[in-house]
PDB file of N, CA and C in Angstrom:
ATOM      1  N   VAL A   1       2.043  12.122  11.551  1.00  0.00           N
ATOM      2  CA  VAL A   1       1.855  12.349  13.018  1.00  0.00           C
ATOM      3  C   VAL A   1       1.541  11.054  13.681  1.00  0.00           C
ATOM      4  N   LEU A   2       1.432   9.965  12.990  1.00  0.00           N
ATOM      5  CA  LEU A   2       0.970   8.688  13.408  1.00  0.00           C
ATOM      6  C   LEU A   2       2.257   7.888  13.788  1.00  0.00           C
ATOM      7  N   ASP A   3       2.417   7.266  14.789  1.00  0.00           N
ATOM      8  CA  ASP A   3       3.642   6.389  14.997  1.00  0.00           C
ATOM      9  C   ASP A   3       3.221   4.786  14.559  1.00  0.00           C
ATOM     10  N   ASP A   4       1.916   4.481  14.375  1.00  0.00           N
ATOM     11  CA  ASP A   4       1.544   3.198  14.053  1.00  0.00           C
ATOM     12  C   ASP A   4       1.544   2.992  12.426  1.00  0.00           C
ATOM     13  N   GLU A   5       1.619   1.922  11.876  1.00  0.00           N
ATOM     14  CA  GLU A   5       1.593   1.608  10.525  1.00  0.00           C
ATOM     15  C   GLU A   5       0.059   1.685  10.178  1.00  0.00           C
ATOM     16  N   LEU A   6      -0.129   1.926   8.959  1.00  0.00           N
ATOM     17  CA  LEU A   6      -1.383   1.861   8.408  1.00  0.00           C
ATOM     18  C   LEU A   6      -1.983   0.558   7.950  1.00  0.00           C
ATOM     19  N   PRO A   7      -2.754  -0.140   8.709  1.00  0.00           N
ATOM     20  CA  PRO A   7      -3.006  -1.598   8.402  1.00  0.00           C
ATOM     21  C   PRO A   7      -3.614  -1.752   6.965  1.00  0.00           C
ATOM     22  N   CYS A   8      -3.403  -2.949   6.483  1.00  0.00           N
ATOM     23  CA  CYS A   8      -4.135  -3.406   5.191  1.00  0.00           C
ATOM     24  C   CYS A   8      -5.507  -3.627   5.332  1.00  0.00           C
ATOM     25  N   VAL A   9      -6.299  -2.570   5.186  1.00  0.00           N
ATOM     26  CA  VAL A   9      -7.797  -2.606   5.236  1.00  0.00           C
ATOM     27  C   VAL A   9      -8.432  -2.905   4.033  1.00  0.00           C
ATOM     28  N   HIS A  10      -7.768  -2.869   2.820  1.00  0.00           N
ATOM     29  CA  HIS A  10      -8.385  -3.040   1.557  1.00  0.00           C
ATOM     30  C   HIS A  10      -7.416  -3.861   0.618  1.00  0.00           C
ATOM     31  N   TYR A  11      -7.961  -4.898  -0.136  1.00  0.00           N
ATOM     32  CA  TYR A  11      -6.972  -5.574  -1.003  1.00  0.00           C
ATOM     33  C   TYR A  11      -6.109  -4.952  -1.895  1.00  0.00           C
ATOM     34  N   GLN A  12      -6.574  -3.726  -2.408  1.00  0.00           N
ATOM     35  CA  GLN A  12      -5.864  -2.862  -3.101  1.00  0.00           C
ATOM     36  C   GLN A  12      -4.544  -2.595  -2.509  1.00  0.00           C
ATOM     37  N   MET A  13      -4.522  -2.382  -1.200  1.00  0.00           N
ATOM     38  CA  MET A  13      -3.264  -1.947  -0.612  1.00  0.00           C
ATOM     39  C   MET A  13      -2.050  -2.986  -0.650  1.00  0.00           C
ATOM     40  N   LEU A  14      -2.536  -4.332  -1.126  1.00  0.00           N
ATOM     41  CA  LEU A  14      -1.364  -5.302  -1.632  1.00  0.00           C
ATOM     42  C   LEU A  14      -0.510  -4.747  -2.631  1.00  0.00           C
ATOM     43  N   LEU A  15      -0.985  -3.791  -3.461  1.00  0.00           N
ATOM     44  CA  LEU A  15      -0.207  -3.171  -4.397  1.00  0.00           C
ATOM     45  C   LEU A  15       1.000  -2.320  -3.663  1.00  0.00           C
ATOM     46  N   LEU A  16       0.768  -1.979  -2.484  1.00  0.00           N
ATOM     47  CA  LEU A  16       1.619  -0.951  -1.857  1.00  0.00           C
ATOM     48  C   LEU A  16       2.587  -2.000  -1.072  1.00  0.00           C
ATOM     49  N   GLY A  17       2.283  -3.272  -0.915  1.00  0.00           N
ATOM     50  CA  GLY A  17       3.046  -4.380  -0.252  1.00  0.00           C
ATOM     51  C   GLY A  17       2.293  -4.841   1.014  1.00  0.00           C
ATOM     52  N   GLY A  18       0.974  -4.244   1.304  1.00  0.00           N
ATOM     53  CA  GLY A  18       0.264  -4.624   2.461  1.00  0.00           C
ATOM     54  C   GLY A  18       0.124  -3.484   3.413  1.00  0.00           C
ATOM     55  N   SER A  19       0.366  -3.615   4.806  1.00  0.00           N
ATOM     56  CA  SER A  19       0.376  -2.354   5.518  1.00  0.00           C
ATOM     57  C   SER A  19       1.354  -1.582   5.332  1.00  0.00           C
ATOM     58  N   VAL A  20       1.259  -0.254   5.383  1.00  0.00           N
ATOM     59  CA  VAL A  20       2.074   0.713   5.125  1.00  0.00           C
ATOM     60  C   VAL A  20       2.838   1.237   6.464  1.00  0.00           C
ATOM     61  N   ARG A  21       4.115   1.254   6.532  1.00  0.00           N
ATOM     62  CA  ARG A  21       4.893   1.531   7.584  1.00  0.00           C
ATOM     63  C   ARG A  21       5.066   3.077   7.669  1.00  0.00           C
ATOM     64  N   VAL A  22       5.411   3.389   9.049  1.00  0.00           N
ATOM     65  CA  VAL A  22       5.878   4.874   9.286  1.00  0.00           C
ATOM     66  C   VAL A  22       7.350   4.911   9.509  1.00  0.00           C
ATOM     67  N   ALA A  23       7.975   5.645   8.762  1.00  0.00           N
ATOM     68  CA  ALA A  23       9.478   6.005   9.073  1.00  0.00           C
ATOM     69  C   ALA A  23       9.569   6.907  10.182  1.00  0.00           C
ATOM     70  N   ASP A  24      10.586   6.579  11.018  1.00  0.00           N
ATOM     71  CA  ASP A  24      10.828   7.400  12.252  1.00  0.00           C
ATOM     72  C   ASP A  24      10.991   8.861  11.805  1.00  0.00           C
ATOM     73  N   TYR A  25      10.891   9.795  12.617  1.00  0.00           N
ATOM     74  CA  TYR A  25      11.142  11.231  12.426  1.00  0.00           C
ATOM     75  C   TYR A  25      12.682  11.433  12.458  1.00  0.00           C
ATOM     76  N   ALA A  26      12.933  12.231  11.415  1.00  0.00           N
ATOM     77  CA  ALA A  26      14.368  12.901  11.374  1.00  0.00           C
ATOM     78  C   ALA A  26      14.174  14.080  10.493  1.00  0.00           C
ATOM     79  N   THR A  27      15.207  14.905  10.651  1.00  0.00           N
ATOM     80  CA  THR A  27      15.209  16.331  10.029  1.00  0.00           C
ATOM     81  C   THR A  27      15.159  16.030   8.438  1.00  0.00           C
ATOM     82  N   PHE A  28      14.389  16.824   7.754  1.00  0.00           N
ATOM     83  CA  PHE A  28      14.335  16.779   6.281  1.00  0.00           C
ATOM     84  C   PHE A  28      15.589  16.890   5.750  1.00  0.00           C
ATOM     85  N   GLY A  29      15.843  16.076   4.634  1.00  0.00           N
ATOM     86  CA  GLY A  29      17.218  16.221   3.868  1.00  0.00           C
ATOM     87  C   GLY A  29      18.279  15.454   4.522  1.00  0.00           C
ATOM     88  N   SER A  30      18.079  14.832   5.704  1.00  0.00           N
ATOM     89  CA  SER A  30      19.200  14.319   6.474  1.00  0.00           C
ATOM     90  C   SER A  30      19.401  12.792   6.031  1.00  0.00           C
ATOM     91  N   PRO A  31      20.621  12.325   6.360  1.00  0.00           N
ATOM     92  CA  PRO A  31      20.931  10.845   6.031  1.00  0.00           C
ATOM     93  C   PRO A  31      20.191   9.900   6.988  1.00  0.00           C
ATOM     94  N   GLU A  32      19.737  10.425   7.976  1.00  0.00           N
ATOM     95  CA  GLU A  32      18.926   9.635   9.043  1.00  0.00           C
ATOM     96  C   GLU A  32      17.410   9.562   8.545  1.00  0.00           C
ATOM     97  N   LEU A  33      17.002  10.573   7.892  1.00  0.00           N
ATOM     98  CA  LEU A  33      15.578  10.339   7.398  1.00  0.00           C
ATOM     99  C   LEU A  33      15.560   9.377   6.257  1.00  0.00           C
ATOM    100  N   ALA A  34      16.600   9.476   5.320  1.00  0.00           N
ATOM    101  CA  ALA A  34      16.827   8.729   4.111  1.00  0.00           C
ATOM    102  C   ALA A  34      16.958   7.126   4.675  1.00  0.00           C
ATOM    103  N   ALA A  35      17.737   6.899   5.761  1.00  0.00           N
ATOM    104  CA  ALA A  35      17.772   5.549   6.232  1.00  0.00           C
ATOM    105  C   ALA A  35      16.514   5.093   6.693  1.00  0.00           C
ATOM    106  N   ALA A  36      15.732   5.994   7.627  1.00  0.00           N
ATOM    107  CA  ALA A  36      14.509   5.613   8.186  1.00  0.00           C
ATOM    108  C   ALA A  36      13.546   5.113   6.928  1.00  0.00           C
ATOM    109  N   VAL A  37      13.389   5.943   6.173  1.00  0.00           N
ATOM    110  CA  VAL A  37      12.357   5.841   4.847  1.00  0.00           C
ATOM    111  C   VAL A  37      12.908   4.556   4.246  1.00  0.00           C
ATOM    112  N   MET A  38      14.112   4.217   3.929  1.00  0.00           N
ATOM    113  CA  MET A  38      14.674   3.037   3.313  1.00  0.00           C
ATOM    114  C   MET A  38      14.130   1.810   4.250  1.00  0.00           C
ATOM    115  N   GLU A  39      14.229   1.866   5.467  1.00  0.00           N
ATOM    116  CA  GLU A  39      13.797   0.740   6.344  1.00  0.00           C
ATOM    117  C   GLU A  39      12.306   0.478   6.329  1.00  0.00           C
ATOM    118  N   ALA A  40      11.597   1.770   6.259  1.00  0.00           N
ATOM    119  CA  ALA A  40      10.055   1.612   6.128  1.00  0.00           C
ATOM    120  C   ALA A  40       9.541   1.025   4.818  1.00  0.00           C
ATOM    121  N   LEU A  41      10.299   1.301   3.744  1.00  0.00           N
ATOM    122  CA  LEU A  41      10.069   0.746   2.527  1.00  0.00           C
ATOM    123  C   LEU A  41      10.379  -0.605   2.173  1.00  0.00           C
ATOM    124  N   ASP A  42      11.186  -1.350   3.018  1.00  0.00           N
ATOM    125  CA  ASP A  42      11.572  -2.738   2.796  1.00  0.00           C
ATOM    126  C   ASP A  42      10.348  -3.463   2.469  1.00  0.00           C
ATOM    127  N   GLY A  43      10.335  -4.053   1.192  1.00  0.00           N
ATOM    128  CA  GLY A  43       9.222  -4.839   0.978  1.00  0.00           C
ATOM    129  C   GLY A  43       7.973  -4.191   0.564  1.00  0.00           C
ATOM    130  N   ARG A  44       8.007  -2.889   0.532  1.00  0.00           N
ATOM    131  CA  ARG A  44       6.820  -2.039   0.202  1.00  0.00           C
ATOM    132  C   ARG A  44       7.214  -1.042  -0.904  1.00  0.00           C
ATOM    133  N   THR A  45       6.165  -0.442  -1.334  1.00  0.00           N
ATOM    134  CA  THR A  45       6.274   0.547  -2.605  1.00  0.00           C
ATOM    135  C   THR A  45       5.789   1.749  -2.119  1.00  0.00           C
ATOM    136  N   ALA A  46       5.417   1.962  -0.784  1.00  0.00           N
ATOM    137  CA  ALA A  46       5.020   3.193  -0.122  1.00  0.00           C
ATOM    138  C   ALA A  46       5.232   3.084   1.351  1.00  0.00           C
ATOM    139  N   ALA A  47       5.398   4.399   1.898  1.00  0.00           N
ATOM    140  CA  ALA A  47       5.665   4.516   3.261  1.00  0.00           C
ATOM    141  C   ALA A  47       5.262   5.970   3.695  1.00  0.00           C
ATOM    142  N   LEU A  48       4.734   6.025   4.956  1.00  0.00           N
ATOM    143  CA  LEU A  48       4.511   7.410   5.578  1.00  0.00           C
ATOM    144  C   LEU A  48       5.757   7.808   6.407  1.00  0.00           C
ATOM    145  N   MET A  49       6.091   9.050   6.317  1.00  0.00           N
ATOM    146  CA  MET A  49       7.253   9.660   7.131  1.00  0.00           C
ATOM    147  C   MET A  49       6.659  10.475   8.152  1.00  0.00           C
ATOM    148  N   ALA A  50       6.977   9.931   9.402  1.00  0.00           N
ATOM    149  CA  ALA A  50       6.504  10.762  10.505  1.00  0.00           C
ATOM    150  C   ALA A  50       6.718  12.343  10.460  1.00  0.00           C
ATOM    151  N   ASN A  51       5.538  13.005  10.548  1.00  0.00           N
ATOM    152  CA  ASN A  51       5.609  14.430  10.699  1.00  0.00           C
ATOM    153  C   ASN A  51       6.110  15.215   9.356  1.00  0.00           C
ATOM    154  N   HIS A  52       6.190  14.242   8.370  1.00  0.00           N
ATOM    155  CA  HIS A  52       6.733  14.888   6.978  1.00  0.00           C
ATOM    156  C   HIS A  52       5.495  14.683   5.989  1.00  0.00           C
ATOM    157  N   GLY A  53       5.091  13.346   5.620  1.00  0.00           N
ATOM    158  CA  GLY A  53       4.240  13.221   4.540  1.00  0.00           C
ATOM    159  C   GLY A  53       4.383  11.624   4.028  1.00  0.00           C
ATOM    160  N   ALA A  54       4.326  11.500   2.867  1.00  0.00           N
ATOM    161  CA  ALA A  54       4.370  10.176   2.168  1.00  0.00           C
ATOM    162  C   ALA A  54       5.250  10.163   1.211  1.00  0.00           C
ATOM    163  N   ILE A  55       5.725   8.913   0.689  1.00  0.00           N
ATOM    164  CA  ILE A  55       6.516   8.461  -0.335  1.00  0.00           C
ATOM    165  C   ILE A  55       6.100   7.306  -0.952  1.00  0.00           C
ATOM    166  N   ALA A  56       6.006   7.280  -2.380  1.00  0.00           N
ATOM    167  CA  ALA A  56       5.763   6.126  -3.065  1.00  0.00           C
ATOM    168  C   ALA A  56       6.794   6.079  -4.365  1.00  0.00           C
ATOM    169  N   TYR A  57       7.111   4.781  -4.616  1.00  0.00           N
ATOM    170  CA  TYR A  57       7.908   4.610  -5.946  1.00  0.00           C
ATOM    171  C   TYR A  57       7.395   3.426  -6.737  1.00  0.00           C
ATOM    172  N   GLY A  58       7.628   3.521  -8.094  1.00  0.00           N
ATOM    173  CA  GLY A  58       7.370   2.435  -8.938  1.00  0.00           C
ATOM    174  C   GLY A  58       8.239   2.242 -10.049  1.00  0.00           C
ATOM    175  N   ALA A  59       7.822   1.711 -11.227  1.00  0.00           N
ATOM    176  CA  ALA A  59       8.615   1.409 -12.326  1.00  0.00           C
ATOM    177  C   ALA A  59       8.894   2.765 -13.037  1.00  0.00           C
ATOM    178  N   ASP A  60       8.118   3.758 -13.065  1.00  0.00           N
ATOM    179  CA  ASP A  60       8.298   5.128 -13.679  1.00  0.00           C
ATOM    180  C   ASP A  60       7.376   6.109 -12.831  1.00  0.00           C
ATOM    181  N   MET A  61       7.621   7.237 -13.295  1.00  0.00           N
ATOM    182  CA  MET A  61       6.804   8.228 -12.602  1.00  0.00           C
ATOM    183  C   MET A  61       5.367   8.046 -12.511  1.00  0.00           C
ATOM    184  N   ASP A  62       4.711   7.543 -13.608  1.00  0.00           N
ATOM    185  CA  ASP A  62       3.370   7.308 -13.555  1.00  0.00           C
ATOM    186  C   ASP A  62       2.850   6.235 -12.640  1.00  0.00           C
ATOM    187  N   ALA A  63       3.537   5.182 -12.722  1.00  0.00           N
ATOM    188  CA  ALA A  63       3.349   4.166 -11.635  1.00  0.00           C
ATOM    189  C   ALA A  63       3.583   4.573 -10.239  1.00  0.00           C
ATOM    190  N   ALA A  64       4.693   5.595  -9.911  1.00  0.00           N
ATOM    191  CA  ALA A  64       4.806   6.011  -8.616  1.00  0.00           C
ATOM    192  C   ALA A  64       3.473   6.877  -8.231  1.00  0.00           C
ATOM    193  N   ALA A  65       3.179   7.809  -9.138  1.00  0.00           N
ATOM    194  CA  ALA A  65       2.120   8.537  -8.911  1.00  0.00           C
ATOM    195  C   ALA A  65       0.691   7.724  -8.712  1.00  0.00           C
ATOM    196  N   GLU A  66       0.475   6.874  -9.297  1.00  0.00           N
ATOM    197  CA  GLU A  66      -0.704   5.948  -8.978  1.00  0.00           C
ATOM    198  C   GLU A  66      -0.544   5.251  -7.838  1.00  0.00           C
ATOM    199  N   LEU A  67       0.564   4.868  -7.164  1.00  0.00           N
ATOM    200  CA  LEU A  67       0.882   4.292  -6.011  1.00  0.00           C
ATOM    201  C   LEU A  67       0.562   5.337  -4.846  1.00  0.00           C
ATOM    202  N   ALA A  68       0.999   6.465  -5.069  1.00  0.00           N
ATOM    203  CA  ALA A  68       0.812   7.603  -4.094  1.00  0.00           C
ATOM    204  C   ALA A  68      -0.799   7.978  -3.912  1.00  0.00           C
ATOM    205  N   GLU A  69      -1.431   7.977  -5.074  1.00  0.00           N
ATOM    206  CA  GLU A  69      -2.848   8.254  -4.909  1.00  0.00           C
ATOM    207  C   GLU A  69      -3.527   7.156  -4.374  1.00  0.00           C
ATOM    208  N   LEU A  70      -3.152   5.798  -4.624  1.00  0.00           N
ATOM    209  CA  LEU A  70      -3.716   4.614  -3.767  1.00  0.00           C
ATOM    210  C   LEU A  70      -3.497   4.831  -2.287  1.00  0.00           C
ATOM    211  N   LEU A  71      -2.291   5.352  -1.904  1.00  0.00           N
ATOM    212  CA  LEU A  71      -1.904   5.433  -0.531  1.00  0.00           C
ATOM    213  C   LEU A  71      -2.806   6.396   0.114  1.00  0.00           C
ATOM    214  N   GLU A  72      -2.881   7.619  -0.557  1.00  0.00           N
ATOM    215  CA  GLU A  72      -3.896   8.710  -0.076  1.00  0.00           C
ATOM    216  C   GLU A  72      -5.454   8.364   0.046  1.00  0.00           C
ATOM    217  N   TRP A  73      -5.771   7.382  -0.959  1.00  0.00           N
ATOM    218  CA  TRP A  73      -7.201   6.808  -0.813  1.00  0.00           C
ATOM    219  C   TRP A  73      -7.193   6.010   0.256  1.00  0.00           C
ATOM    220  N   ALA A  74      -6.220   5.099   0.485  1.00  0.00           N
ATOM    221  CA  ALA A  74      -6.262   4.145   1.427  1.00  0.00           C
ATOM    222  C   ALA A  74      -6.250   4.745   2.951  1.00  0.00           C
ATOM    223  N   CYS A  75      -5.512   5.765   2.979  1.00  0.00           N
ATOM    224  CA  CYS A  75      -5.427   6.602   4.228  1.00  0.00           C
ATOM    225  C   CYS A  75      -6.757   7.243   4.558  1.00  0.00           C
ATOM    226  N   GLY A  76      -7.576   7.719   3.509  1.00  0.00           N
ATOM    227  CA  GLY A  76      -8.898   8.099   3.685  1.00  0.00           C
ATOM    228  C   GLY A  76      -9.816   6.991   4.087  1.00  0.00           C
ATOM    229  N   VAL A  77      -9.757   5.854   3.474  1.00  0.00           N
ATOM    230  CA  VAL A  77     -10.574   4.766   3.906  1.00  0.00           C
ATOM    231  C   VAL A  77     -10.427   4.429   5.391  1.00  0.00           C
ATOM    232  N   TYR A  78      -9.162   4.349   5.763  1.00  0.00           N
ATOM    233  CA  TYR A  78      -8.828   3.903   7.070  1.00  0.00           C
ATOM    234  C   TYR A  78      -9.384   5.073   8.077  1.00  0.00           C
ATOM    235  N   TRP A  79      -9.263   6.307   7.789  1.00  0.00           N
ATOM    236  CA  TRP A  79      -9.640   7.475   8.638  1.00  0.00           C
ATOM    237  C   TRP A  79     -11.010   7.328   8.814  1.00  0.00           C
ATOM    238  N   HIS A  80     -11.783   7.203   7.558  1.00  0.00           N
ATOM    239  CA  HIS A  80     -13.292   7.087   7.842  1.00  0.00           C
ATOM    240  C   HIS A  80     -13.649   5.931   8.536  1.00  0.00           C
ATOM    241  N   ALA A  81     -12.987   4.795   8.444  1.00  0.00           N
ATOM    242  CA  ALA A  81     -13.373   3.610   9.232  1.00  0.00           C
ATOM    243  C   ALA A  81     -13.211   3.871  10.777  1.00  0.00           C
ATOM    244  N   ARG A  82     -12.028   4.516  11.038  1.00  0.00           N
ATOM    245  CA  ARG A  82     -11.735   4.989  12.482  1.00  0.00           C
ATOM    246  C   ARG A  82     -12.900   5.795  13.017  1.00  0.00           C
ATOM    247  N   LEU A  83     -13.227   6.739  12.259  1.00  0.00           N
ATOM    248  CA  LEU A  83     -14.417   7.599  12.826  1.00  0.00           C
ATOM    249  C   LEU A  83     -15.772   6.671  13.174  1.00  0.00           C
ATOM    250  N   LEU A  84     -15.912   5.677  12.580  1.00  0.00           N
ATOM    251  CA  LEU A  84     -17.094   4.820  12.643  1.00  0.00           C
ATOM    252  C   LEU A  84     -16.819   3.708  13.820  1.00  0.00           C
ATOM    253  N   GLY A  85     -15.584   3.403  13.945  1.00  0.00           N
ATOM    254  CA  GLY A  85     -15.352   2.309  14.988  1.00  0.00           C
ATOM    255  C   GLY A  85     -13.856   1.740  14.788  1.00  0.00           C
ATOM    256  N   THR A  86     -13.729   0.560  14.815  1.00  0.00           N
ATOM    257  CA  THR A  86     -12.309  -0.225  14.634  1.00  0.00           C
ATOM    258  C   THR A  86     -12.262  -0.789  13.450  1.00  0.00           C
ATOM    259  N   PRO A  87     -11.380  -0.360  12.303  1.00  0.00           N
ATOM    260  CA  PRO A  87     -11.278  -0.802  11.167  1.00  0.00           C
ATOM    261  C   PRO A  87     -10.923  -2.374  11.125  1.00  0.00           C
ATOM    262  N   ARG A  88     -11.303  -3.019  10.218  1.00  0.00           N
ATOM    263  CA  ARG A  88     -10.969  -4.506  10.164  1.00  0.00           C
ATOM    264  C   ARG A  88      -9.668  -4.751   9.204  1.00  0.00           C
ATOM    265  N   GLU A  89      -8.617  -5.119   9.554  1.00  0.00           N
ATOM    266  CA  GLU A  89      -7.364  -5.493   8.846  1.00  0.00           C
ATOM    267  C   GLU A  89      -7.702  -6.930   8.086  1.00  0.00           C
ATOM    268  N   LEU A  90      -7.147  -6.910   6.945  1.00  0.00           N
ATOM    269  CA  LEU A  90      -7.142  -8.298   6.131  1.00  0.00           C
ATOM    270  C   LEU A  90      -6.068  -9.112   6.715  1.00  0.00           C
ATOM    271  N   ASP A  91      -6.474 -10.311   7.189  1.00  0.00           N
ATOM    272  CA  ASP A  91      -5.443 -11.260   7.687  1.00  0.00           C
ATOM    273  C   ASP A  91      -4.517 -11.955   6.646  1.00  0.00           C
ATOM    274  N   GLN A  92      -3.441 -12.622   6.915  1.00  0.00           N
ATOM    275  CA  GLN A  92      -2.538 -13.093   6.081  1.00  0.00           C
ATOM    276  C   GLN A  92      -3.549 -14.149   5.147  1.00  0.00           C
ATOM    277  N   GLU A  93      -4.358 -14.888   5.649  1.00  0.00           N
ATOM    278  CA  GLU A  93      -5.091 -15.758   4.819  1.00  0.00           C
ATOM    279  C   GLU A  93      -5.926 -15.036   3.641  1.00  0.00           C
ATOM    280  N   GLN A  94      -6.423 -13.949   4.250  1.00  0.00           N
ATOM    281  CA  GLN A  94      -7.266 -13.179   3.126  1.00  0.00           C
ATOM    282  C   GLN A  94      -6.596 -12.552   2.095  1.00  0.00           C
ATOM    283  N   ARG A  95      -5.313 -12.165   2.418  1.00  0.00           N
ATOM    284  CA  ARG A  95      -4.381 -11.467   1.482  1.00  0.00           C
ATOM    285  C   ARG A  95      -4.014 -12.588   0.522  1.00  0.00           C
ATOM    286  N   ASP A  96      -3.650 -13.816   0.963  1.00  0.00           N
ATOM    287  CA  ASP A  96      -3.095 -14.842   0.186  1.00  0.00           C
ATOM    288  C   ASP A  96      -4.116 -15.081  -0.913  1.00  0.00           C
ATOM    289  N   ALA A  97      -5.569 -15.150  -0.306  1.00  0.00           N
ATOM    290  CA  ALA A  97      -6.622 -15.630  -1.208  1.00  0.00           C
ATOM    291  C   ALA A  97      -6.765 -14.746  -2.500  1.00  0.00           C
ATOM    292  N   VAL A  98      -6.444 -13.260  -1.899  1.00  0.00           N
ATOM    293  CA  VAL A  98      -6.610 -12.216  -3.079  1.00  0.00           C
ATOM    294  C   VAL A  98      -5.542 -12.292  -4.129  1.00  0.00           C
ATOM    295  N   ILE A  99      -4.444 -12.541  -3.656  1.00  0.00           N
ATOM    296  CA  ILE A  99      -3.230 -12.851  -4.517  1.00  0.00           C
ATOM    297  C   ILE A  99      -3.512 -14.125  -5.326  1.00  0.00           C
ATOM    298  N   ALA A 100      -3.847 -15.219  -4.819  1.00  0.00           N
ATOM    299  CA  ALA A 100      -4.324 -16.470  -5.629  1.00  0.00           C
ATOM    300  C   ALA A 100      -5.334 -16.123  -6.642  1.00  0.00           C
ATOM    301  N   ALA A 101      -6.438 -15.403  -6.114  1.00  0.00           N
ATOM    302  CA  ALA A 101      -7.555 -15.192  -7.178  1.00  0.00           C
ATOM    303  C   ALA A 101      -6.981 -14.125  -8.315  1.00  0.00           C
ATOM    304  N   ALA A 102      -6.260 -13.282  -8.084  1.00  0.00           N
ATOM    305  CA  ALA A 102      -5.532 -12.343  -9.087  1.00  0.00           C
ATOM    306  C   ALA A 102      -4.797 -13.144 -10.029  1.00  0.00           C
ATOM    307  N   LEU A 103      -3.909 -13.977  -9.550  1.00  0.00           N
ATOM    308  CA  LEU A 103      -3.107 -14.692 -10.397  1.00  0.00           C
ATOM    309  C   LEU A 103      -3.894 -15.870 -11.349  1.00  0.00           C
ATOM    310  N   GLU A 104      -4.906 -16.277 -10.691  1.00  0.00           N
ATOM    311  CA  GLU A 104      -5.820 -17.221 -11.477  1.00  0.00           C
ATOM    312  C   GLU A 104      -6.585 -16.596 -12.465  1.00  0.00           C
ATOM    313  N   ARG A 105      -7.009 -15.385 -12.354  1.00  0.00           N
ATOM    314  CA  ARG A 105      -7.668 -14.603 -13.326  1.00  0.00           C
ATOM    315  C   ARG A 105      -6.859 -13.859 -14.139  1.00  0.00           C
ATOM    316  N   ARG A 106      -5.463 -13.830 -13.835  1.00  0.00           N
ATOM    317  CA  ARG A 106      -4.743 -12.835 -14.780  1.00  0.00           C
ATOM    318  C   ARG A 106      -5.096 -11.674 -14.596  1.00  0.00           C
ATOM    319  N   TYR A 107      -5.467 -10.955 -13.260  1.00  0.00           N
ATOM    320  CA  TYR A 107      -6.056  -9.833 -12.890  1.00  0.00           C
ATOM    321  C   TYR A 107      -4.956  -8.763 -13.125  1.00  0.00           C
ATOM    322  N   GLY A 108      -5.137  -7.713 -13.798  1.00  0.00           N
ATOM    323  CA  GLY A 108      -4.071  -6.642 -14.117  1.00  0.00           C
ATOM    324  C   GLY A 108      -3.370  -6.852 -15.274  1.00  0.00           C
ATOM    325  N   THR A 109      -3.602  -7.881 -15.990  1.00  0.00           N
ATOM    326  CA  THR A 109      -2.898  -8.174 -17.270  1.00  0.00           C
ATOM    327  C   THR A 109      -3.692  -7.988 -18.430  1.00  0.00           C
ATOM    328  N   THR A 110      -3.136  -7.833 -19.590  1.00  0.00           N
ATOM    329  CA  THR A 110      -3.811  -7.763 -20.901  1.00  0.00           C
ATOM    330  C   THR A 110      -3.775  -9.112 -21.479  1.00  0.00           C
ATOM    331  N   HIS A 111      -4.743  -9.761 -21.783  1.00  0.00           N
ATOM    332  CA  HIS A 111      -4.837 -11.051 -22.490  1.00  0.00           C
ATOM    333  C   HIS A 111      -6.083 -11.198 -23.303  1.00  0.00           C
ATOM    334  N   PRO A 112      -6.033 -11.991 -24.206  1.00  0.00           N
ATOM    335  CA  PRO A 112      -7.370 -12.351 -24.966  1.00  0.00           C
ATOM    336  C   PRO A 112      -8.355 -13.068 -24.117  1.00  0.00           C
ATOM    337  N   ILE A 113      -9.526 -12.831 -24.413  1.00  0.00           N
ATOM    338  CA  ILE A 113     -10.644 -13.524 -23.600  1.00  0.00           C
ATOM    339  C   ILE A 113     -10.576 -15.134 -24.076  1.00  0.00           C
ATOM    340  N   ASP A 114     -10.510 -16.097 -23.258  1.00  0.00           N
ATOM    341  CA  ASP A 114     -10.600 -17.490 -23.578  1.00  0.00           C
ATOM    342  C   ASP A 114     -11.995 -17.946 -23.448  1.00  0.00           C
ATOM    343  N   GLU A 115     -12.293 -18.894 -24.192  1.00  0.00           N
ATOM    344  CA  GLU A 115     -13.495 -19.467 -23.953  1.00  0.00           C
ATOM    345  C   GLU A 115     -13.963 -19.742 -22.529  1.00  0.00           C
ATOM    346  N   GLU A 116     -12.867 -20.203 -21.824  1.00  0.00           N
ATOM    347  CA  GLU A 116     -13.429 -20.605 -20.373  1.00  0.00           C
ATOM    348  C   GLU A 116     -13.662 -19.212 -19.580  1.00  0.00           C
ATOM    349  N   ASP A 117     -12.928 -18.109 -19.853  1.00  0.00           N
ATOM    350  CA  ASP A 117     -13.222 -16.878 -19.311  1.00  0.00           C
ATOM    351  C   ASP A 117     -14.767 -16.494 -19.546  1.00  0.00           C
ATOM    352  N   ARG A 118     -15.461 -16.899 -20.755  1.00  0.00           N
ATOM    353  CA  ARG A 118     -16.610 -16.218 -21.087  1.00  0.00           C
ATOM    354  C   ARG A 118     -17.752 -16.870 -20.277  1.00  0.00           C
ATOM    355  N   GLY A 119     -17.566 -18.131 -19.750  1.00  0.00           N
ATOM    356  CA  GLY A 119     -18.764 -18.969 -19.251  1.00  0.00           C
ATOM    357  C   GLY A 119     -18.751 -18.836 -17.740  1.00  0.00           C
TER     358      GLY A 119
END
């Protein structure tokens, strides 16, 4: 029921591609809805569908389910923040810093602990 995208208010949302777009409303099962969802998903792994719900995809069903849960959590974070005031969206510089830090630390990957990682 929102027309606006869900802003990137937490760095974990970068796994969704950043802010989450809302696909325009179209009747369920229609080619128009499919096209609107594909447009909203461009460069993203999740989208909201106006007056329908949400969609997420990943490398497999487990990955897609994890992203769907992340989207639901992010919606809750945003909703609660809106109740308290104006949520603060991460700007591009902050997003870039998160990506750089994750790459530097090999965050999210399995690797042996190096001596430099211990200190």
